[in-house]
Amino acid sequence: MVDLLTTAADGGKSLIDASDRLILYVEIARLFGALGYHRKAAFFSRQVAQLYLQQENRFAAISAMQVLAMTTKAYRVQSRASIENTSSKVS
């Protein structure tokens, strides 16, 4: 299944325009996440964010930030606020 999804993503790079590629990467990220491949899902979510940013409008930028925020757990990235909340609970 992983190979099939990866092949679909590779084939999608050259065959379709950016809006179709956006939809393809969203679905691939969703499927990888459902299968438990969270880092692969995060990678494709980053691809989605990059495609949003190429649209160069405010709403696309907001969407890109929302997509990137969803990937922080897979990459073990924390905001300063969550670090401060964690350290205050420990003290």
N, C-alpha and C. Protein backbone atom coordinates (compact mmCIF):
# COMPACT_ATOMS: atom_id res chain seq x y z
N MET A 1 0.82 -1.19 0.00
CA MET A 1 0.00 0.00 0.00
C MET A 1 0.86 1.25 0.00
N VAL A 2 1.94 1.24 0.78
CA VAL A 2 2.84 2.39 0.84
C VAL A 2 3.45 2.65 -0.53
N ASP A 3 3.87 1.58 -1.19
CA ASP A 3 4.47 1.74 -2.53
C ASP A 3 3.46 2.29 -3.52
N LEU A 4 2.23 1.86 -3.43
CA LEU A 4 1.18 2.34 -4.32
C LEU A 4 0.94 3.84 -4.13
N LEU A 5 0.86 4.27 -2.89
CA LEU A 5 0.64 5.69 -2.61
C LEU A 5 1.83 6.54 -3.05
N THR A 6 3.03 6.03 -2.81
CA THR A 6 4.24 6.76 -3.22
C THR A 6 4.31 6.86 -4.74
N THR A 7 3.97 5.79 -5.44
CA THR A 7 3.95 5.80 -6.90
C THR A 7 2.91 6.78 -7.42
N ALA A 8 1.76 6.83 -6.79
CA ALA A 8 0.72 7.78 -7.19
C ALA A 8 1.21 9.21 -7.03
N ALA A 9 1.91 9.48 -5.94
CA ALA A 9 2.44 10.82 -5.71
C ALA A 9 3.49 11.18 -6.75
N ASP A 10 4.37 10.24 -7.06
CA ASP A 10 5.40 10.50 -8.07
C ASP A 10 4.80 10.73 -9.44
N GLY A 11 3.81 9.94 -9.79
CA GLY A 11 3.15 10.10 -11.08
C GLY A 11 2.37 11.40 -11.15
N GLY A 12 1.84 11.83 -10.04
CA GLY A 12 1.07 13.05 -10.00
C GLY A 12 1.87 14.31 -10.22
N LYS A 13 3.17 14.24 -9.99
CA LYS A 13 4.02 15.43 -10.15
C LYS A 13 4.00 15.97 -11.57
N SER A 14 3.99 15.10 -12.53
CA SER A 14 4.11 15.55 -13.91
C SER A 14 2.81 15.50 -14.70
N LEU A 15 1.82 14.79 -14.19
CA LEU A 15 0.62 14.57 -14.99
C LEU A 15 -0.49 15.59 -14.78
N ILE A 16 -0.51 16.25 -13.67
CA ILE A 16 -1.66 17.10 -13.35
C ILE A 16 -1.23 18.49 -12.94
N ASP A 17 -2.19 19.43 -12.99
CA ASP A 17 -1.87 20.80 -12.59
C ASP A 17 -1.84 20.92 -11.07
N ALA A 18 -1.48 22.09 -10.58
CA ALA A 18 -1.25 22.29 -9.15
C ALA A 18 -2.51 22.05 -8.31
N SER A 19 -3.67 22.45 -8.80
CA SER A 19 -4.88 22.26 -7.98
C SER A 19 -5.23 20.78 -7.86
N ASP A 20 -5.02 20.02 -8.93
CA ASP A 20 -5.26 18.57 -8.84
C ASP A 20 -4.22 17.90 -7.96
N ARG A 21 -2.98 18.37 -8.05
CA ARG A 21 -1.90 17.82 -7.23
C ARG A 21 -2.18 18.11 -5.74
N LEU A 22 -2.76 19.27 -5.47
CA LEU A 22 -3.13 19.62 -4.10
C LEU A 22 -4.12 18.60 -3.54
N ILE A 23 -5.14 18.29 -4.31
CA ILE A 23 -6.14 17.30 -3.89
C ILE A 23 -5.50 15.92 -3.72
N LEU A 24 -4.65 15.54 -4.66
CA LEU A 24 -3.97 14.25 -4.58
C LEU A 24 -3.14 14.14 -3.31
N TYR A 25 -2.35 15.19 -3.01
CA TYR A 25 -1.48 15.15 -1.83
C TYR A 25 -2.29 15.17 -0.53
N VAL A 26 -3.41 15.88 -0.50
CA VAL A 26 -4.28 15.87 0.68
C VAL A 26 -4.75 14.44 0.95
N GLU A 27 -5.20 13.78 -0.10
CA GLU A 27 -5.71 12.40 0.07
C GLU A 27 -4.60 11.43 0.44
N ILE A 28 -3.43 11.59 -0.16
CA ILE A 28 -2.31 10.71 0.18
C ILE A 28 -1.91 10.92 1.64
N ALA A 29 -1.85 12.18 2.08
CA ALA A 29 -1.51 12.47 3.48
C ALA A 29 -2.56 11.85 4.41
N ARG A 30 -3.83 11.99 4.05
CA ARG A 30 -4.90 11.43 4.87
C ARG A 30 -4.79 9.91 4.96
N LEU A 31 -4.52 9.26 3.83
CA LEU A 31 -4.40 7.80 3.82
C LEU A 31 -3.19 7.32 4.61
N PHE A 32 -2.04 7.99 4.44
CA PHE A 32 -0.86 7.61 5.22
C PHE A 32 -1.14 7.77 6.71
N GLY A 33 -1.83 8.85 7.09
CA GLY A 33 -2.17 9.04 8.49
C GLY A 33 -3.08 7.94 9.01
N ALA A 34 -4.06 7.56 8.21
CA ALA A 34 -5.00 6.50 8.61
C ALA A 34 -4.29 5.16 8.74
N LEU A 35 -3.25 4.95 7.95
CA LEU A 35 -2.49 3.71 8.01
C LEU A 35 -1.45 3.70 9.13
N GLY A 36 -1.29 4.85 9.80
CA GLY A 36 -0.32 4.93 10.89
C GLY A 36 1.05 5.43 10.49
N TYR A 37 1.23 5.82 9.25
CA TYR A 37 2.50 6.36 8.76
C TYR A 37 2.48 7.88 8.93
N HIS A 38 2.63 8.32 10.17
CA HIS A 38 2.43 9.73 10.49
C HIS A 38 3.51 10.64 9.90
N ARG A 39 4.73 10.19 9.84
CA ARG A 39 5.78 11.03 9.25
C ARG A 39 5.58 11.17 7.74
N LYS A 40 5.17 10.10 7.07
CA LYS A 40 4.87 10.20 5.64
C LYS A 40 3.67 11.12 5.42
N ALA A 41 2.67 11.01 6.29
CA ALA A 41 1.51 11.90 6.20
C ALA A 41 1.95 13.35 6.39
N ALA A 42 2.84 13.58 7.32
CA ALA A 42 3.34 14.94 7.57
C ALA A 42 4.12 15.46 6.37
N PHE A 43 4.90 14.60 5.73
CA PHE A 43 5.65 15.02 4.54
C PHE A 43 4.69 15.51 3.45
N PHE A 44 3.64 14.73 3.18
CA PHE A 44 2.70 15.14 2.14
C PHE A 44 1.88 16.34 2.57
N SER A 45 1.65 16.49 3.85
CA SER A 45 0.98 17.69 4.34
C SER A 45 1.84 18.92 4.09
N ARG A 46 3.15 18.78 4.25
CA ARG A 46 4.06 19.89 3.92
C ARG A 46 3.99 20.23 2.44
N GLN A 47 3.88 19.20 1.60
CA GLN A 47 3.73 19.43 0.17
C GLN A 47 2.46 20.22 -0.12
N VAL A 48 1.38 19.86 0.60
CA VAL A 48 0.11 20.58 0.45
C VAL A 48 0.31 22.05 0.84
N ALA A 49 0.98 22.29 1.95
CA ALA A 49 1.22 23.66 2.40
C ALA A 49 2.02 24.44 1.37
N GLN A 50 3.01 23.81 0.76
CA GLN A 50 3.80 24.49 -0.28
C GLN A 50 2.93 24.85 -1.48
N LEU A 51 2.05 23.96 -1.86
CA LEU A 51 1.15 24.25 -2.98
C LEU A 51 0.20 25.39 -2.64
N TYR A 52 -0.28 25.43 -1.40
CA TYR A 52 -1.12 26.55 -0.98
C TYR A 52 -0.34 27.87 -1.07
N LEU A 53 0.90 27.85 -0.62
CA LEU A 53 1.70 29.08 -0.62
C LEU A 53 2.00 29.58 -2.02
N GLN A 54 2.03 28.69 -2.99
CA GLN A 54 2.27 29.10 -4.38
C GLN A 54 1.10 29.89 -4.95
N GLN A 55 -0.07 29.81 -4.31
CA GLN A 55 -1.24 30.52 -4.80
C GLN A 55 -1.19 32.01 -4.49
N GLU A 56 -0.32 32.40 -3.56
CA GLU A 56 -0.06 33.80 -3.25
C GLU A 56 -1.31 34.62 -2.92
N ASN A 57 -2.13 34.10 -2.04
CA ASN A 57 -3.21 34.91 -1.49
C ASN A 57 -3.33 34.64 -0.01
N ARG A 58 -4.02 35.52 0.69
CA ARG A 58 -4.09 35.46 2.14
C ARG A 58 -4.75 34.18 2.64
N PHE A 59 -5.82 33.78 2.01
CA PHE A 59 -6.54 32.59 2.45
C PHE A 59 -5.71 31.32 2.24
N ALA A 60 -4.97 31.28 1.16
CA ALA A 60 -4.09 30.14 0.91
C ALA A 60 -2.98 30.09 1.97
N ALA A 61 -2.47 31.25 2.36
CA ALA A 61 -1.43 31.29 3.39
C ALA A 61 -1.97 30.80 4.73
N ILE A 62 -3.20 31.19 5.06
CA ILE A 62 -3.82 30.71 6.30
C ILE A 62 -4.02 29.20 6.24
N SER A 63 -4.47 28.70 5.10
CA SER A 63 -4.64 27.26 4.93
C SER A 63 -3.32 26.53 5.07
N ALA A 64 -2.26 27.09 4.52
CA ALA A 64 -0.93 26.48 4.62
C ALA A 64 -0.50 26.39 6.07
N MET A 65 -0.72 27.45 6.84
CA MET A 65 -0.34 27.43 8.25
C MET A 65 -1.15 26.39 9.03
N GLN A 66 -2.42 26.25 8.70
CA GLN A 66 -3.25 25.26 9.37
C GLN A 66 -2.77 23.84 9.06
N VAL A 67 -2.41 23.61 7.81
CA VAL A 67 -1.90 22.29 7.42
C VAL A 67 -0.59 22.01 8.13
N LEU A 68 0.29 22.99 8.19
CA LEU A 68 1.57 22.79 8.88
C LEU A 68 1.38 22.56 10.38
N ALA A 69 0.40 23.23 10.97
CA ALA A 69 0.14 23.04 12.39
C ALA A 69 -0.29 21.59 12.69
N MET A 70 -0.96 20.96 11.74
CA MET A 70 -1.38 19.57 11.94
C MET A 70 -0.19 18.62 11.92
N THR A 71 0.90 19.01 11.31
CA THR A 71 2.05 18.10 11.18
C THR A 71 3.02 18.19 12.35
N THR A 72 2.84 19.15 13.23
CA THR A 72 3.82 19.37 14.29
C THR A 72 3.98 18.16 15.20
N LYS A 73 2.91 17.44 15.46
CA LYS A 73 2.99 16.28 16.34
C LYS A 73 3.86 15.19 15.72
N ALA A 74 3.72 14.98 14.42
CA ALA A 74 4.51 13.93 13.75
C ALA A 74 5.99 14.24 13.77
N TYR A 75 6.33 15.52 13.72
CA TYR A 75 7.73 15.92 13.74
C TYR A 75 8.22 16.28 15.12
N ARG A 76 7.35 16.10 16.13
CA ARG A 76 7.67 16.39 17.52
C ARG A 76 8.10 17.85 17.69
N VAL A 77 7.35 18.74 17.08
CA VAL A 77 7.60 20.17 17.20
C VAL A 77 6.58 20.72 18.19
N GLN A 78 7.04 21.55 19.11
CA GLN A 78 6.15 22.14 20.08
C GLN A 78 6.24 23.67 20.01
N SER A 79 5.13 24.30 20.32
CA SER A 79 5.15 25.76 20.41
C SER A 79 5.70 26.15 21.77
N ARG A 80 6.12 27.39 21.88
CA ARG A 80 6.63 27.86 23.17
C ARG A 80 5.55 27.77 24.24
N ALA A 81 4.31 28.06 23.87
CA ALA A 81 3.21 28.01 24.83
C ALA A 81 3.04 26.60 25.40
N SER A 82 3.11 25.59 24.54
CA SER A 82 2.93 24.23 25.04
C SER A 82 4.11 23.79 25.89
N ILE A 83 5.30 24.27 25.58
CA ILE A 83 6.47 23.95 26.40
C ILE A 83 6.33 24.58 27.77
N GLU A 84 5.87 25.85 27.80
CA GLU A 84 5.69 26.54 29.08
C GLU A 84 4.60 25.87 29.90
N ASN A 85 3.52 25.43 29.27
CA ASN A 85 2.44 24.73 29.99
C ASN A 85 2.93 23.41 30.56
N THR A 86 3.75 22.70 29.81
CA THR A 86 4.29 21.42 30.27
C THR A 86 5.23 21.63 31.45
N SER A 87 6.11 22.62 31.37
CA SER A 87 7.07 22.86 32.44
C SER A 87 6.38 23.38 33.70
N SER A 88 5.28 24.14 33.55
CA SER A 88 4.58 24.63 34.74
C SER A 88 3.83 23.50 35.44
N LYS A 89 3.39 22.49 34.70
CA LYS A 89 2.70 21.35 35.30
C LYS A 89 3.67 20.47 36.07
N VAL A 90 4.93 20.41 35.60
CA VAL A 90 5.94 19.58 36.24
C VAL A 90 6.39 20.20 37.55
N SER A 91 6.47 21.53 37.58
CA SER A 91 6.97 22.24 38.78
C SER A 91 6.06 22.13 39.96
